[in-house]
C-alpha cells in the first residue's frame, strides 16, 4: 500500500529519503487517478525497501500541489536526493512495470 504524504511528513519521507521516491498527485474526484491508484499501490508493495511510493491528495495538500506546480491530474513525480528528476502527467504509458523500471533506474 502506498504511503500518504502530507506537508507534515513530506520533507522527512520524500526530500530526505535515501531511496528514490514516487509521488502520485491525485484527487478523489479524478477518474483517471482512481484508474492508476491500484498500480501505484502494487508498485509500492513490489519496491518496498528499495524505493518509497506514496500519494498526495491535492485537495487536502494544496500547498504541496502548488509547490510542485501540479496543473493536471494524475501527475506522478519522481524524486532522488530531494530533487525532482522526472514526472509523468496523465495515464498514457503508466503501467506498473514502467513505474518500477523508472524507480530501478534511479536507485
PDB file of N, CA and C in Angstrom:
ATOM      1  N   UNK A   1       0.835  -1.187   0.000  1.00  0.00           N
ATOM      2  CA  UNK A   1       0.000   0.000   0.000  1.00  0.00           C
ATOM      3  C   UNK A   1       0.881   1.252   0.000  1.00  0.00           C
ATOM      4  N   UNK A   2       0.510   2.214  -0.812  1.00  0.00           N
ATOM      5  CA  UNK A   2       1.275   3.454  -0.910  1.00  0.00           C
ATOM      6  C   UNK A   2       1.150   4.264   0.378  1.00  0.00           C
ATOM      7  N   UNK A   3       2.200   4.999   0.684  1.00  0.00           N
ATOM      8  CA  UNK A   3       2.205   5.896   1.832  1.00  0.00           C
ATOM      9  C   UNK A   3       1.342   7.115   1.527  1.00  0.00           C
ATOM     10  N   UNK A   4       0.934   7.818   2.561  1.00  0.00           N
ATOM     11  CA  UNK A   4       0.212   9.080   2.384  1.00  0.00           C
ATOM     12  C   UNK A   4       1.179  10.210   2.752  1.00  0.00           C
ATOM     13  N   UNK A   5       1.516  11.038   1.764  1.00  0.00           N
ATOM     14  CA  UNK A   5       2.405  12.160   2.015  1.00  0.00           C
ATOM     15  C   UNK A   5       1.574  13.418   2.261  1.00  0.00           C
ATOM     16  N   UNK A   6       1.982  14.176   3.275  1.00  0.00           N
ATOM     17  CA  UNK A   6       1.330  15.438   3.599  1.00  0.00           C
ATOM     18  C   UNK A   6       2.419  16.490   3.813  1.00  0.00           C
ATOM     19  N   UNK A   7       2.009  17.729   3.984  1.00  0.00           N
ATOM     20  CA  UNK A   7       3.002  18.775   4.242  1.00  0.00           C
ATOM     21  C   UNK A   7       3.739  18.500   5.554  1.00  0.00           C
ATOM     22  N   UNK A   8       3.117  17.731   6.453  1.00  0.00           N
ATOM     23  CA  UNK A   8       3.765  17.412   7.730  1.00  0.00           C
ATOM     24  C   UNK A   8       4.896  16.399   7.592  1.00  0.00           C
ATOM     25  N   UNK A   9       4.778  15.452   6.650  1.00  0.00           N
ATOM     26  CA  UNK A   9       5.802  14.409   6.568  1.00  0.00           C
ATOM     27  C   UNK A   9       6.584  14.433   5.259  1.00  0.00           C
ATOM     28  N   UNK A  10       6.270  15.362   4.353  1.00  0.00           N
ATOM     29  CA  UNK A  10       6.877  15.359   3.022  1.00  0.00           C
ATOM     30  C   UNK A  10       8.396  15.510   3.078  1.00  0.00           C
ATOM     31  N   UNK A  11       8.874  16.430   3.888  1.00  0.00           N
ATOM     32  CA  UNK A  11      10.326  16.645   3.942  1.00  0.00           C
ATOM     33  C   UNK A  11      11.051  15.383   4.417  1.00  0.00           C
ATOM     34  N   UNK A  12      10.586  14.791   5.498  1.00  0.00           N
ATOM     35  CA  UNK A  12      11.249  13.599   6.043  1.00  0.00           C
ATOM     36  C   UNK A  12      11.089  12.394   5.126  1.00  0.00           C
ATOM     37  N   UNK A  13       9.880  12.177   4.604  1.00  0.00           N
ATOM     38  CA  UNK A  13       9.607  10.975   3.809  1.00  0.00           C
ATOM     39  C   UNK A  13      10.112  11.055   2.372  1.00  0.00           C
ATOM     40  N   UNK A  14      10.058  12.234   1.784  1.00  0.00           N
ATOM     41  CA  UNK A  14      10.398  12.378   0.364  1.00  0.00           C
ATOM     42  C   UNK A  14      11.746  13.073   0.175  1.00  0.00           C
ATOM     43  N   UNK A  15      11.853  14.286   0.669  1.00  0.00           N
ATOM     44  CA  UNK A  15      13.045  15.091   0.392  1.00  0.00           C
ATOM     45  C   UNK A  15      14.294  14.554   1.062  1.00  0.00           C
ATOM     46  N   UNK A  16      14.159  13.903   2.223  1.00  0.00           N
ATOM     47  CA  UNK A  16      15.331  13.372   2.923  1.00  0.00           C
ATOM     48  C   UNK A  16      15.485  11.858   2.747  1.00  0.00           C
ATOM     49  N   UNK A  17      14.706  11.260   1.869  1.00  0.00           N
ATOM     50  CA  UNK A  17      14.762   9.811   1.664  1.00  0.00           C
ATOM     51  C   UNK A  17      16.086   9.414   1.022  1.00  0.00           C
ATOM     52  N   UNK A  18      16.648   8.306   1.503  1.00  0.00           N
ATOM     53  CA  UNK A  18      17.872   7.799   0.880  1.00  0.00           C
ATOM     54  C   UNK A  18      17.538   6.945  -0.346  1.00  0.00           C
ATOM     55  N   UNK A  19      16.269   6.628  -0.534  1.00  0.00           N
ATOM     56  CA  UNK A  19      15.814   5.851  -1.693  1.00  0.00           C
ATOM     57  C   UNK A  19      15.090   6.775  -2.667  1.00  0.00           C
ATOM     58  N   UNK A  20      14.999   6.375  -3.942  1.00  0.00           N
ATOM     59  CA  UNK A  20      14.163   7.141  -4.864  1.00  0.00           C
ATOM     60  C   UNK A  20      12.706   7.108  -4.389  1.00  0.00           C
ATOM     61  N   UNK A  21      11.954   8.163  -4.736  1.00  0.00           N
ATOM     62  CA  UNK A  21      10.572   8.275  -4.271  1.00  0.00           C
ATOM     63  C   UNK A  21       9.655   8.572  -5.457  1.00  0.00           C
ATOM     64  N   UNK A  22       8.548   7.858  -5.518  1.00  0.00           N
ATOM     65  CA  UNK A  22       7.483   8.127  -6.490  1.00  0.00           C
ATOM     66  C   UNK A  22       6.346   8.776  -5.720  1.00  0.00           C
ATOM     67  N   UNK A  23       5.906   9.940  -6.192  1.00  0.00           N
ATOM     68  CA  UNK A  23       4.785  10.639  -5.559  1.00  0.00           C
ATOM     69  C   UNK A  23       3.659  10.782  -6.582  1.00  0.00           C
ATOM     70  N   UNK A  24       2.517  10.214  -6.243  1.00  0.00           N
ATOM     71  CA  UNK A  24       1.332  10.283  -7.089  1.00  0.00           C
ATOM     72  C   UNK A  24       0.447  11.418  -6.577  1.00  0.00           C
ATOM     73  N   UNK A  25       0.378  12.517  -7.348  1.00  0.00           N
ATOM     74  CA  UNK A  25      -0.519  13.622  -7.007  1.00  0.00           C
ATOM     75  C   UNK A  25      -1.882  13.290  -7.610  1.00  0.00           C
ATOM     76  N   UNK A  26      -2.905  13.219  -6.756  1.00  0.00           N
ATOM     77  CA  UNK A  26      -4.215  12.741  -7.185  1.00  0.00           C
ATOM     78  C   UNK A  26      -5.319  13.482  -6.441  1.00  0.00           C
ATOM     79  N   UNK A  27      -6.572  13.193  -6.824  1.00  0.00           N
ATOM     80  CA  UNK A  27      -7.736  13.738  -6.122  1.00  0.00           C
ATOM     81  C   UNK A  27      -8.855  12.702  -6.167  1.00  0.00           C
ATOM     82  N   UNK A  28      -9.695  12.738  -5.151  1.00  0.00           N
ATOM     83  CA  UNK A  28     -10.806  11.790  -5.023  1.00  0.00           C
ATOM     84  C   UNK A  28     -11.751  11.850  -6.224  1.00  0.00           C
ATOM     85  N   UNK A  29     -11.964  13.021  -6.774  1.00  0.00           N
ATOM     86  CA  UNK A  29     -12.915  13.233  -7.864  1.00  0.00           C
ATOM     87  C   UNK A  29     -12.342  12.911  -9.242  1.00  0.00           C
ATOM     88  N   UNK A  30     -11.079  12.558  -9.311  1.00  0.00           N
ATOM     89  CA  UNK A  30     -10.371  12.350 -10.585  1.00  0.00           C
ATOM     90  C   UNK A  30     -10.468  10.884 -11.028  1.00  0.00           C
ATOM     91  N   UNK A  31     -11.249  10.631 -12.075  1.00  0.00           N
ATOM     92  CA  UNK A  31     -11.425   9.268 -12.584  1.00  0.00           C
ATOM     93  C   UNK A  31     -10.121   8.590 -12.988  1.00  0.00           C
ATOM     94  N   UNK A  32      -9.289   9.247 -13.832  1.00  0.00           N
ATOM     95  CA  UNK A  32      -8.011   8.620 -14.208  1.00  0.00           C
ATOM     96  C   UNK A  32      -7.117   8.333 -13.002  1.00  0.00           C
ATOM     97  N   UNK A  33      -7.199   9.183 -11.964  1.00  0.00           N
ATOM     98  CA  UNK A  33      -6.409   8.949 -10.743  1.00  0.00           C
ATOM     99  C   UNK A  33      -6.823   7.625 -10.107  1.00  0.00           C
ATOM    100  N   UNK A  34      -8.132   7.385 -10.087  1.00  0.00           N
ATOM    101  CA  UNK A  34      -8.631   6.143  -9.495  1.00  0.00           C
ATOM    102  C   UNK A  34      -8.212   4.937 -10.324  1.00  0.00           C
ATOM    103  N   UNK A  35      -8.051   5.135 -11.641  1.00  0.00           N
ATOM    104  CA  UNK A  35      -7.604   4.037 -12.501  1.00  0.00           C
ATOM    105  C   UNK A  35      -6.172   3.616 -12.169  1.00  0.00           C
ATOM    106  N   UNK A  36      -5.292   4.592 -11.936  1.00  0.00           N
ATOM    107  CA  UNK A  36      -3.896   4.225 -11.692  1.00  0.00           C
ATOM    108  C   UNK A  36      -3.589   4.000 -10.212  1.00  0.00           C
ATOM    109  N   UNK A  37      -4.529   4.320  -9.332  1.00  0.00           N
ATOM    110  CA  UNK A  37      -4.310   4.115  -7.901  1.00  0.00           C
ATOM    111  C   UNK A  37      -3.857   2.705  -7.551  1.00  0.00           C
ATOM    112  N   UNK A  38      -4.547   1.659  -8.062  1.00  0.00           N
ATOM    113  CA  UNK A  38      -4.117   0.290  -7.762  1.00  0.00           C
ATOM    114  C   UNK A  38      -2.718  -0.031  -8.302  1.00  0.00           C
ATOM    115  N   UNK A  39      -2.352   0.565  -9.437  1.00  0.00           N
ATOM    116  CA  UNK A  39      -0.994   0.363  -9.978  1.00  0.00           C
ATOM    117  C   UNK A  39       0.045   0.923  -9.005  1.00  0.00           C
ATOM    118  N   UNK A  40      -0.244   2.120  -8.502  1.00  0.00           N
ATOM    119  CA  UNK A  40       0.686   2.767  -7.572  1.00  0.00           C
ATOM    120  C   UNK A  40       0.823   1.921  -6.302  1.00  0.00           C
ATOM    121  N   UNK A  41      -0.299   1.391  -5.797  1.00  0.00           N
ATOM    122  CA  UNK A  41      -0.243   0.526  -4.613  1.00  0.00           C
ATOM    123  C   UNK A  41       0.572  -0.729  -4.888  1.00  0.00           C
ATOM    124  N   UNK A  42       0.412  -1.297  -6.077  1.00  0.00           N
ATOM    125  CA  UNK A  42       1.153  -2.500  -6.457  1.00  0.00           C
ATOM    126  C   UNK A  42       2.654  -2.214  -6.522  1.00  0.00           C
ATOM    127  N   UNK A  43       3.019  -1.073  -7.108  1.00  0.00           N
ATOM    128  CA  UNK A  43       4.428  -0.685  -7.194  1.00  0.00           C
ATOM    129  C   UNK A  43       4.992  -0.470  -5.787  1.00  0.00           C
ATOM    130  N   UNK A  44       4.186   0.104  -4.903  1.00  0.00           N
ATOM    131  CA  UNK A  44       4.623   0.322  -3.516  1.00  0.00           C
ATOM    132  C   UNK A  44       5.000  -1.011  -2.867  1.00  0.00           C
ATOM    133  N   UNK A  45       4.176  -2.024  -3.058  1.00  0.00           N
ATOM    134  CA  UNK A  45       4.452  -3.338  -2.472  1.00  0.00           C
ATOM    135  C   UNK A  45       5.693  -3.969  -3.088  1.00  0.00           C
ATOM    136  N   UNK A  46       5.804  -3.860  -4.418  1.00  0.00           N
ATOM    137  CA  UNK A  46       6.899  -4.523  -5.130  1.00  0.00           C
ATOM    138  C   UNK A  46       8.258  -3.866  -4.910  1.00  0.00           C
ATOM    139  N   UNK A  47       8.285  -2.601  -4.526  1.00  0.00           N
ATOM    140  CA  UNK A  47       9.564  -1.896  -4.385  1.00  0.00           C
ATOM    141  C   UNK A  47       9.912  -1.587  -2.927  1.00  0.00           C
ATOM    142  N   UNK A  48       9.159  -2.161  -2.001  1.00  0.00           N
ATOM    143  CA  UNK A  48       9.405  -1.901  -0.582  1.00  0.00           C
ATOM    144  C   UNK A  48      10.857  -2.229  -0.231  1.00  0.00           C
ATOM    145  N   UNK A  49      11.530  -1.294   0.423  1.00  0.00           N
ATOM    146  CA  UNK A  49      12.925  -1.494   0.804  1.00  0.00           C
ATOM    147  C   UNK A  49      13.911  -0.912  -0.182  1.00  0.00           C
ATOM    148  N   UNK A  50      13.483  -0.667  -1.432  1.00  0.00           N
ATOM    149  CA  UNK A  50      14.391  -0.087  -2.421  1.00  0.00           C
ATOM    150  C   UNK A  50      13.916   1.277  -2.903  1.00  0.00           C
ATOM    151  N   UNK A  51      12.638   1.572  -2.677  1.00  0.00           N
ATOM    152  CA  UNK A  51      12.070   2.864  -3.079  1.00  0.00           C
ATOM    153  C   UNK A  51      10.890   3.178  -2.174  1.00  0.00           C
ATOM    154  N   UNK A  52      10.502   4.443  -2.161  1.00  0.00           N
ATOM    155  CA  UNK A  52       9.288   4.840  -1.445  1.00  0.00           C
ATOM    156  C   UNK A  52       8.247   5.240  -2.476  1.00  0.00           C
ATOM    157  N   UNK A  53       7.023   4.853  -2.206  1.00  0.00           N
ATOM    158  CA  UNK A  53       5.923   5.178  -3.107  1.00  0.00           C
ATOM    159  C   UNK A  53       4.781   5.728  -2.263  1.00  0.00           C
ATOM    160  N   UNK A  54       4.288   6.892  -2.646  1.00  0.00           N
ATOM    161  CA  UNK A  54       3.201   7.482  -1.877  1.00  0.00           C
ATOM    162  C   UNK A  54       2.332   8.396  -2.702  1.00  0.00           C
ATOM    163  N   UNK A  55       1.272   8.862  -2.063  1.00  0.00           N
ATOM    164  CA  UNK A  55       0.278   9.690  -2.728  1.00  0.00           C
ATOM    165  C   UNK A  55       0.095  11.011  -1.981  1.00  0.00           C
ATOM    166  N   UNK A  56      -0.222  12.035  -2.751  1.00  0.00           N
ATOM    167  CA  UNK A  56      -0.568  13.337  -2.194  1.00  0.00           C
ATOM    168  C   UNK A  56      -1.949  13.696  -2.731  1.00  0.00           C
ATOM    169  N   UNK A  57      -2.910  13.856  -1.835  1.00  0.00           N
ATOM    170  CA  UNK A  57      -4.253  14.293  -2.198  1.00  0.00           C
ATOM    171  C   UNK A  57      -4.203  15.813  -2.382  1.00  0.00           C
ATOM    172  N   UNK A  58      -4.339  16.263  -3.630  1.00  0.00           N
ATOM    173  CA  UNK A  58      -4.166  17.693  -3.899  1.00  0.00           C
ATOM    174  C   UNK A  58      -5.255  18.562  -3.274  1.00  0.00           C
ATOM    175  N   UNK A  59      -6.400  17.973  -2.965  1.00  0.00           N
ATOM    176  CA  UNK A  59      -7.461  18.756  -2.334  1.00  0.00           C
ATOM    177  C   UNK A  59      -7.140  19.089  -0.875  1.00  0.00           C
ATOM    178  N   UNK A  60      -6.481  18.183  -0.184  1.00  0.00           N
ATOM    179  CA  UNK A  60      -6.142  18.434   1.219  1.00  0.00           C
ATOM    180  C   UNK A  60      -4.711  18.959   1.382  1.00  0.00           C
ATOM    181  N   UNK A  61      -3.901  18.824   0.333  1.00  0.00           N
ATOM    182  CA  UNK A  61      -2.497  19.247   0.400  1.00  0.00           C
ATOM    183  C   UNK A  61      -2.201  20.254  -0.717  1.00  0.00           C
ATOM    184  N   UNK A  62      -2.986  21.321  -0.746  1.00  0.00           N
ATOM    185  CA  UNK A  62      -2.873  22.304  -1.826  1.00  0.00           C
ATOM    186  C   UNK A  62      -1.509  22.976  -1.865  1.00  0.00           C
ATOM    187  N   UNK A  63      -0.898  23.129  -0.702  1.00  0.00           N
ATOM    188  CA  UNK A  63       0.420  23.768  -0.646  1.00  0.00           C
ATOM    189  C   UNK A  63       1.464  22.932  -1.398  1.00  0.00           C
ATOM    190  N   UNK A  64       1.434  21.607  -1.205  1.00  0.00           N
ATOM    191  CA  UNK A  64       2.378  20.730  -1.919  1.00  0.00           C
ATOM    192  C   UNK A  64       2.099  20.748  -3.417  1.00  0.00           C
ATOM    193  N   UNK A  65       0.826  20.709  -3.793  1.00  0.00           N
ATOM    194  CA  UNK A  65       0.475  20.744  -5.212  1.00  0.00           C
ATOM    195  C   UNK A  65       0.982  22.034  -5.851  1.00  0.00           C
ATOM    196  N   UNK A  66       0.861  23.123  -5.128  1.00  0.00           N
ATOM    197  CA  UNK A  66       1.326  24.414  -5.624  1.00  0.00           C
ATOM    198  C   UNK A  66       2.858  24.449  -5.715  1.00  0.00           C
ATOM    199  N   UNK A  67       3.526  23.952  -4.681  1.00  0.00           N
ATOM    200  CA  UNK A  67       4.996  23.936  -4.662  1.00  0.00           C
ATOM    201  C   UNK A  67       5.556  23.214  -5.876  1.00  0.00           C
ATOM    202  N   UNK A  68       4.915  22.115  -6.266  1.00  0.00           N
ATOM    203  CA  UNK A  68       5.418  21.316  -7.385  1.00  0.00           C
ATOM    204  C   UNK A  68       4.663  21.587  -8.683  1.00  0.00           C
ATOM    205  N   UNK A  69       3.920  22.719  -8.703  1.00  0.00           N
ATOM    206  CA  UNK A  69       3.271  23.217  -9.908  1.00  0.00           C
ATOM    207  C   UNK A  69       2.425  22.147 -10.605  1.00  0.00           C
ATOM    208  N   UNK A  70       1.628  21.453  -9.822  1.00  0.00           N
ATOM    209  CA  UNK A  70       0.770  20.408 -10.370  1.00  0.00           C
ATOM    210  C   UNK A  70      -0.407  21.073 -11.077  1.00  0.00           C
ATOM    211  N   UNK A  71      -0.471  20.897 -12.403  1.00  0.00           N
ATOM    212  CA  UNK A  71      -1.510  21.530 -13.222  1.00  0.00           C
ATOM    213  C   UNK A  71      -2.593  20.542 -13.637  1.00  0.00           C
ATOM    214  N   UNK A  72      -2.209  19.273 -13.829  1.00  0.00           N
ATOM    215  CA  UNK A  72      -3.128  18.251 -14.309  1.00  0.00           C
ATOM    216  C   UNK A  72      -3.019  17.018 -13.423  1.00  0.00           C
ATOM    217  N   UNK A  73      -4.109  16.261 -13.375  1.00  0.00           N
ATOM    218  CA  UNK A  73      -4.121  15.029 -12.588  1.00  0.00           C
ATOM    219  C   UNK A  73      -4.461  13.851 -13.492  1.00  0.00           C
ATOM    220  N   UNK A  74      -3.915  12.698 -13.197  1.00  0.00           N
ATOM    221  CA  UNK A  74      -2.874  12.456 -12.204  1.00  0.00           C
ATOM    222  C   UNK A  74      -1.501  12.925 -12.702  1.00  0.00           C
ATOM    223  N   UNK A  75      -0.654  13.317 -11.776  1.00  0.00           N
ATOM    224  CA  UNK A  75       0.746  13.618 -12.075  1.00  0.00           C
ATOM    225  C   UNK A  75       1.597  12.785 -11.134  1.00  0.00           C
ATOM    226  N   UNK A  76       2.530  12.052 -11.708  1.00  0.00           N
ATOM    227  CA  UNK A  76       3.467  11.246 -10.916  1.00  0.00           C
ATOM    228  C   UNK A  76       4.825  11.916 -11.006  1.00  0.00           C
ATOM    229  N   UNK A  77       5.407  12.208  -9.847  1.00  0.00           N
ATOM    230  CA  UNK A  77       6.696  12.893  -9.791  1.00  0.00           C
ATOM    231  C   UNK A  77       7.710  11.967  -9.121  1.00  0.00           C
ATOM    232  N   UNK A  78       8.886  11.864  -9.732  1.00  0.00           N
ATOM    233  CA  UNK A  78       9.962  11.030  -9.195  1.00  0.00           C
ATOM    234  C   UNK A  78      11.009  11.926  -8.555  1.00  0.00           C
ATOM    235  N   UNK A  79      11.405  11.577  -7.336  1.00  0.00           N
ATOM    236  CA  UNK A  79      12.413  12.328  -6.585  1.00  0.00           C
ATOM    237  C   UNK A  79      13.623  11.442  -6.326  1.00  0.00           C
ATOM    238  N   UNK A  80      14.795  12.055  -6.374  1.00  0.00           N
ATOM    239  CA  UNK A  80      16.018  11.375  -5.936  1.00  0.00           C
ATOM    240  C   UNK A  80      16.881  12.425  -5.249  1.00  0.00           C
ATOM    241  N   UNK A  81      17.333  12.113  -4.044  1.00  0.00           N
ATOM    242  CA  UNK A  81      18.167  13.057  -3.312  1.00  0.00           C
ATOM    243  C   UNK A  81      17.464  14.372  -3.039  1.00  0.00           C
ATOM    244  N   UNK A  82      16.146  14.320  -2.867  1.00  0.00           N
ATOM    245  CA  UNK A  82      15.391  15.522  -2.558  1.00  0.00           C
ATOM    246  C   UNK A  82      15.058  16.390  -3.755  1.00  0.00           C
ATOM    247  N   UNK A  83      15.448  15.960  -4.949  1.00  0.00           N
ATOM    248  CA  UNK A  83      15.213  16.739  -6.166  1.00  0.00           C
ATOM    249  C   UNK A  83      14.245  16.023  -7.090  1.00  0.00           C
ATOM    250  N   UNK A  84      13.428  16.797  -7.803  1.00  0.00           N
ATOM    251  CA  UNK A  84      12.566  16.233  -8.836  1.00  0.00           C
ATOM    252  C   UNK A  84      13.454  15.821 -10.007  1.00  0.00           C
ATOM    253  N   UNK A  85      13.344  14.553 -10.424  1.00  0.00           N
ATOM    254  CA  UNK A  85      14.164  14.087 -11.541  1.00  0.00           C
ATOM    255  C   UNK A  85      13.337  13.705 -12.762  1.00  0.00           C
ATOM    256  N   UNK A  86      12.040  13.513 -12.583  1.00  0.00           N
ATOM    257  CA  UNK A  86      11.191  13.151 -13.721  1.00  0.00           C
ATOM    258  C   UNK A  86       9.731  13.274 -13.303  1.00  0.00           C
ATOM    259  N   UNK A  87       8.846  13.347 -14.285  1.00  0.00           N
ATOM    260  CA  UNK A  87       7.422  13.339 -13.979  1.00  0.00           C
ATOM    261  C   UNK A  87       6.636  12.796 -15.162  1.00  0.00           C
ATOM    262  N   UNK A  88       5.477  12.281 -14.855  1.00  0.00           N
ATOM    263  CA  UNK A  88       4.543  11.776 -15.860  1.00  0.00           C
ATOM    264  C   UNK A  88       3.197  12.435 -15.589  1.00  0.00           C
ATOM    265  N   UNK A  89       2.539  12.917 -16.643  1.00  0.00           N
ATOM    266  CA  UNK A  89       1.236  13.538 -16.490  1.00  0.00           C
ATOM    267  C   UNK A  89       0.222  12.716 -17.278  1.00  0.00           C
ATOM    268  N   UNK A  90      -0.892  12.401 -16.623  1.00  0.00           N
ATOM    269  CA  UNK A  90      -1.914  11.598 -17.272  1.00  0.00           C
ATOM    270  C   UNK A  90      -1.659  10.114 -17.082  1.00  0.00           C
ATOM    271  N   UNK A  91      -2.392   9.315 -17.847  1.00  0.00           N
ATOM    272  CA  UNK A  91      -2.292   7.861 -17.675  1.00  0.00           C
ATOM    273  C   UNK A  91      -1.558   7.176 -18.825  1.00  0.00           C
ATOM    274  N   UNK A  92      -1.269   7.898 -19.884  1.00  0.00           N
ATOM    275  CA  UNK A  92      -0.626   7.291 -21.049  1.00  0.00           C
ATOM    276  C   UNK A  92       0.747   6.721 -20.677  1.00  0.00           C
ATOM    277  N   UNK A  93       0.936   5.450 -20.949  1.00  0.00           N
ATOM    278  CA  UNK A  93       2.217   4.807 -20.683  1.00  0.00           C
ATOM    279  C   UNK A  93       2.449   4.458 -19.223  1.00  0.00           C
ATOM    280  N   UNK A  94       1.462   4.695 -18.376  1.00  0.00           N
ATOM    281  CA  UNK A  94       1.624   4.394 -16.953  1.00  0.00           C
ATOM    282  C   UNK A  94       1.206   2.949 -16.702  1.00  0.00           C
ATOM    283  N   UNK A  95       2.223   2.109 -16.502  1.00  0.00           N
ATOM    284  CA  UNK A  95       1.995   0.721 -16.121  1.00  0.00           C
ATOM    285  C   UNK A  95       2.837   0.444 -14.891  1.00  0.00           C
ATOM    286  N   UNK A  96       2.506  -0.610 -14.184  1.00  0.00           N
ATOM    287  CA  UNK A  96       3.297  -0.963 -13.000  1.00  0.00           C
ATOM    288  C   UNK A  96       4.744  -1.220 -13.411  1.00  0.00           C
ATOM    289  N   UNK A  97       4.939  -1.930 -14.523  1.00  0.00           N
ATOM    290  CA  UNK A  97       6.300  -2.232 -14.976  1.00  0.00           C
ATOM    291  C   UNK A  97       7.076  -0.967 -15.306  1.00  0.00           C
ATOM    292  N   UNK A  98       6.438  -0.027 -16.002  1.00  0.00           N
ATOM    293  CA  UNK A  98       7.115   1.219 -16.375  1.00  0.00           C
ATOM    294  C   UNK A  98       7.526   2.010 -15.133  1.00  0.00           C
ATOM    295  N   UNK A  99       6.632   2.059 -14.150  1.00  0.00           N
ATOM    296  CA  UNK A  99       6.947   2.788 -12.910  1.00  0.00           C
ATOM    297  C   UNK A  99       8.087   2.109 -12.153  1.00  0.00           C
ATOM    298  N   UNK A 100       8.064   0.782 -12.083  1.00  0.00           N
ATOM    299  CA  UNK A 100       9.141   0.060 -11.395  1.00  0.00           C
ATOM    300  C   UNK A 100      10.469   0.236 -12.112  1.00  0.00           C
ATOM    301  N   UNK A 101      10.445   0.238 -13.439  1.00  0.00           N
ATOM    302  CA  UNK A 101      11.681   0.442 -14.210  1.00  0.00           C
ATOM    303  C   UNK A 101      12.267   1.813 -13.937  1.00  0.00           C
ATOM    304  N   UNK A 102      11.408   2.847 -13.900  1.00  0.00           N
ATOM    305  CA  UNK A 102      11.885   4.193 -13.608  1.00  0.00           C
ATOM    306  C   UNK A 102      12.527   4.284 -12.227  1.00  0.00           C
ATOM    307  N   UNK A 103      11.860   3.676 -11.251  1.00  0.00           N
ATOM    308  CA  UNK A 103      12.419   3.687  -9.889  1.00  0.00           C
ATOM    309  C   UNK A 103      13.739   2.929  -9.835  1.00  0.00           C
ATOM    310  N   UNK A 104      13.817   1.787 -10.505  1.00  0.00           N
ATOM    311  CA  UNK A 104      15.056   0.997 -10.516  1.00  0.00           C
ATOM    312  C   UNK A 104      16.197   1.784 -11.157  1.00  0.00           C
ATOM    313  N   UNK A 105      15.893   2.536 -12.189  1.00  0.00           N
ATOM    314  CA  UNK A 105      16.923   3.332 -12.860  1.00  0.00           C
ATOM    315  C   UNK A 105      17.453   4.432 -11.956  1.00  0.00           C
ATOM    316  N   UNK A 106      16.661   4.870 -10.993  1.00  0.00           N
ATOM    317  CA  UNK A 106      17.078   5.936 -10.077  1.00  0.00           C
ATOM    318  C   UNK A 106      17.824   5.398  -8.855  1.00  0.00           C
ATOM    319  N   UNK A 107      17.731   4.105  -8.627  1.00  0.00           N
ATOM    320  CA  UNK A 107      18.313   3.514  -7.407  1.00  0.00           C
ATOM    321  C   UNK A 107      19.827   3.604  -7.410  1.00  0.00           C
TER     322      UNK A 107
END
